[in-house]
Amino acid sequence: MKLIPHVGAGPIRLGMTRDDVQELLGAPDHRETETGPDDLTSEEWEYAEHGLDLTFSEDNAWRLSVVTMSAPELLGVSPAGMPEEEALAALEEAGVPTFEFDEAFSLDDDTDDTACNRECDEWDLAMWVENGIVVSLTVFPEYDEKGEMPRWPKRDQELT
């Protein structure tokens, strides 16, 4: 499924309501509600068949605020399953701005399993990497100059 920065993936657009998404994809396979340290609630919906995790946030009036894909295509590159450095090189060659290293994690104290997050601030994307292999890409909305209000894509905006 094609991922477009600041827009979404396939027919899924950032800014959609939960009803919009259910009309398009049906009920999610799994739902999880979380309350963060700021007491704001978010709801994550998983669509395993589509490789999608969708997050709706209370602070964005329950609109679709985050799209994470386990099998994305970005500018003709499908980075999931690729070694991290190979994916970064392929994305750079395709014209994607640099993904900067953000944070590393230990996945399990009993093993050497590790993960890291990389961020492409220019396009509001994130890349999740486990044990050196790209697992997913995440797209976020563009925000206003103050970083407070999302600029939702138009419903009819083309995914090219």
Protein backbone atom coordinates (compact mmCIF):
# COMPACT_ATOMS: atom_id res chain seq x y z
CA MET A 1 0.00 0.00 0.00
CA LYS A 2 1.37 3.41 -0.95
CA LEU A 3 2.23 5.73 1.89
CA ILE A 4 2.09 9.45 1.21
CA PRO A 5 3.64 11.85 3.75
CA HIS A 6 1.12 14.10 5.53
CA VAL A 7 -1.76 12.31 3.73
CA GLY A 8 -2.06 8.63 4.67
CA ALA A 9 -1.91 5.25 2.98
CA GLY A 10 -4.00 3.84 0.16
CA PRO A 11 -7.57 5.05 0.70
CA ILE A 12 -6.88 5.89 4.36
CA ARG A 13 -6.50 9.63 5.01
CA LEU A 14 -5.22 11.28 8.14
CA GLY A 15 -8.08 13.22 9.71
CA MET A 16 -10.74 10.58 8.96
CA THR A 17 -13.23 9.81 11.71
CA ARG A 18 -13.57 6.36 13.25
CA ASP A 19 -16.88 5.98 11.38
CA ASP A 20 -15.17 6.86 8.07
CA VAL A 21 -12.52 4.19 8.63
CA GLN A 22 -15.05 1.53 9.68
CA GLU A 23 -17.13 2.26 6.60
CA LEU A 24 -14.06 1.74 4.45
CA LEU A 25 -12.31 -1.20 6.21
CA GLY A 26 -14.96 -2.67 8.52
CA ALA A 27 -14.40 -3.38 12.20
CA PRO A 28 -10.76 -3.59 13.31
CA ASP A 29 -9.24 -6.92 14.30
CA HIS A 30 -8.15 -5.43 17.61
CA ARG A 31 -8.71 -2.20 19.55
CA GLU A 32 -6.66 -0.82 22.39
CA THR A 33 -7.29 2.33 24.42
CA GLU A 34 -4.46 4.10 26.22
CA THR A 35 -4.28 7.14 28.45
CA GLY A 36 -0.97 8.97 28.33
CA PRO A 37 0.86 10.88 31.03
CA ASP A 38 -0.95 14.04 29.86
CA ASP A 39 -4.32 12.32 30.65
CA LEU A 40 -5.24 12.37 26.95
CA THR A 41 -6.68 9.19 25.54
CA SER A 42 -5.92 7.54 22.22
CA GLU A 43 -7.40 4.49 20.57
CA GLU A 44 -5.33 2.20 18.34
CA TRP A 45 -7.04 -0.01 15.78
CA GLU A 46 -5.25 -2.92 14.15
CA TYR A 47 -6.11 -4.25 10.68
CA ALA A 48 -3.78 -7.24 10.41
CA GLU A 49 -4.78 -8.19 6.85
CA HIS A 50 -3.83 -4.70 5.64
CA GLY A 51 -0.74 -4.39 7.85
CA LEU A 52 -2.20 -1.23 9.39
CA ASP A 53 -2.24 0.23 12.88
CA LEU A 54 -4.39 3.36 13.06
CA THR A 55 -4.41 5.76 16.01
CA PHE A 56 -7.27 8.12 16.82
CA SER A 57 -6.48 10.79 19.39
CA GLU A 58 -8.73 12.59 21.84
CA ASP A 59 -6.67 15.77 21.46
CA ASN A 60 -7.46 15.73 17.71
CA ALA A 61 -11.23 15.30 18.20
CA TRP A 62 -10.89 11.52 17.69
CA ARG A 63 -9.66 11.94 14.13
CA LEU A 64 -7.13 9.57 12.61
CA SER A 65 -3.83 11.02 13.78
CA VAL A 66 -1.25 8.30 13.06
CA VAL A 67 -0.99 5.59 10.37
CA THR A 68 1.60 2.83 10.85
CA MET A 69 2.16 0.29 8.07
CA SER A 70 4.07 -2.98 8.18
CA ALA A 71 4.28 -3.23 4.37
CA PRO A 72 4.45 0.33 3.05
CA GLU A 73 5.61 1.57 -0.31
CA LEU A 74 7.15 5.03 -0.32
CA LEU A 75 8.24 6.50 -3.67
CA GLY A 76 8.53 3.00 -5.13
CA VAL A 77 10.58 1.63 -2.21
CA SER A 78 9.19 -1.10 0.07
CA PRO A 79 11.53 -0.87 3.08
CA ALA A 80 9.84 -3.34 5.45
CA GLY A 81 11.99 -6.45 5.86
CA MET A 82 15.10 -4.72 4.50
CA PRO A 83 18.27 -4.23 6.52
CA GLU A 84 18.19 -0.73 8.02
CA GLU A 85 21.16 0.70 6.09
CA GLU A 86 19.93 -0.77 2.79
CA ALA A 87 16.45 0.72 3.35
CA LEU A 88 17.89 4.12 4.28
CA ALA A 89 20.05 4.15 1.13
CA ALA A 90 17.13 3.10 -1.11
CA LEU A 91 14.82 5.73 0.38
CA GLU A 92 17.49 8.43 0.02
CA GLU A 93 18.06 7.44 -3.61
CA ALA A 94 14.29 7.70 -4.21
CA GLY A 95 14.33 11.26 -2.87
CA VAL A 96 13.14 10.82 0.71
CA PRO A 97 14.77 13.24 3.16
CA THR A 98 17.08 11.77 5.81
CA PHE A 99 15.74 9.62 8.64
CA GLU A 100 17.67 10.70 11.73
CA PHE A 101 18.36 8.31 14.59
CA ASP A 102 15.95 9.07 17.43
CA GLU A 103 16.14 6.50 20.22
CA ALA A 104 17.36 2.95 20.84
CA PHE A 105 15.61 0.39 22.99
CA SER A 106 16.41 -3.01 24.46
CA LEU A 107 13.49 -5.29 23.64
CA ASP A 108 14.31 -7.99 26.16
CA ASP A 109 16.74 -8.01 29.07
CA ASP A 110 17.46 -11.71 28.50
CA THR A 111 18.46 -11.38 24.85
CA ASP A 112 20.42 -9.05 22.63
CA ASP A 113 17.24 -8.00 20.79
CA THR A 114 17.25 -4.27 20.10
CA ALA A 115 15.06 -1.74 18.38
CA CYS A 116 15.37 1.87 17.33
CA ASN A 117 13.22 4.62 16.01
CA ARG A 118 14.31 6.92 13.20
CA GLU A 119 12.48 10.10 12.27
CA CYS A 120 12.19 12.09 9.07
CA ASP A 121 11.11 15.45 10.47
CA GLU A 122 10.80 17.10 7.07
CA TRP A 123 8.04 14.66 6.00
CA ASP A 124 6.74 13.75 9.51
CA LEU A 125 7.58 10.06 9.13
CA ALA A 126 9.01 7.51 11.53
CA MET A 127 10.75 4.19 10.87
CA TRP A 128 10.75 1.36 13.43
CA VAL A 129 13.72 -1.01 13.25
CA GLU A 130 14.17 -4.27 15.18
CA ASN A 131 17.50 -6.11 15.20
CA GLY A 132 18.66 -4.09 12.22
CA ILE A 133 15.59 -4.85 10.05
CA VAL A 134 12.92 -2.29 9.13
CA VAL A 135 9.56 -3.33 10.60
CA SER A 136 7.27 -0.41 9.79
CA LEU A 137 6.84 3.19 8.68
CA THR A 138 4.54 5.68 10.35
CA VAL A 139 3.01 8.81 8.83
CA PHE A 140 1.88 11.81 10.89
CA PRO A 141 -0.05 14.90 9.84
CA GLU A 142 1.61 18.18 9.09
CA TYR A 143 1.01 20.79 11.81
CA ASP A 144 0.59 24.56 11.75
CA GLU A 145 3.48 26.89 12.46
CA LYS A 146 2.91 26.67 16.23
CA GLY A 147 2.84 22.87 16.08
CA GLU A 148 -0.60 22.79 17.67
CA MET A 149 -3.20 22.20 14.95
CA PRO A 150 -2.96 19.43 12.37
CA ARG A 151 -3.42 20.32 8.73
CA TRP A 152 -5.61 17.47 7.56
CA PRO A 153 -5.31 16.39 3.91
CA LYS A 154 -8.21 16.93 1.56
CA ARG A 155 -10.43 13.86 1.20
CA ASP A 156 -9.96 13.79 -2.56
CA GLN A 157 -6.19 14.34 -2.45
CA GLU A 158 -4.51 11.93 -4.86
CA LEU A 159 -2.13 9.28 -3.60
CA THR A 160 0.42 9.19 -6.37
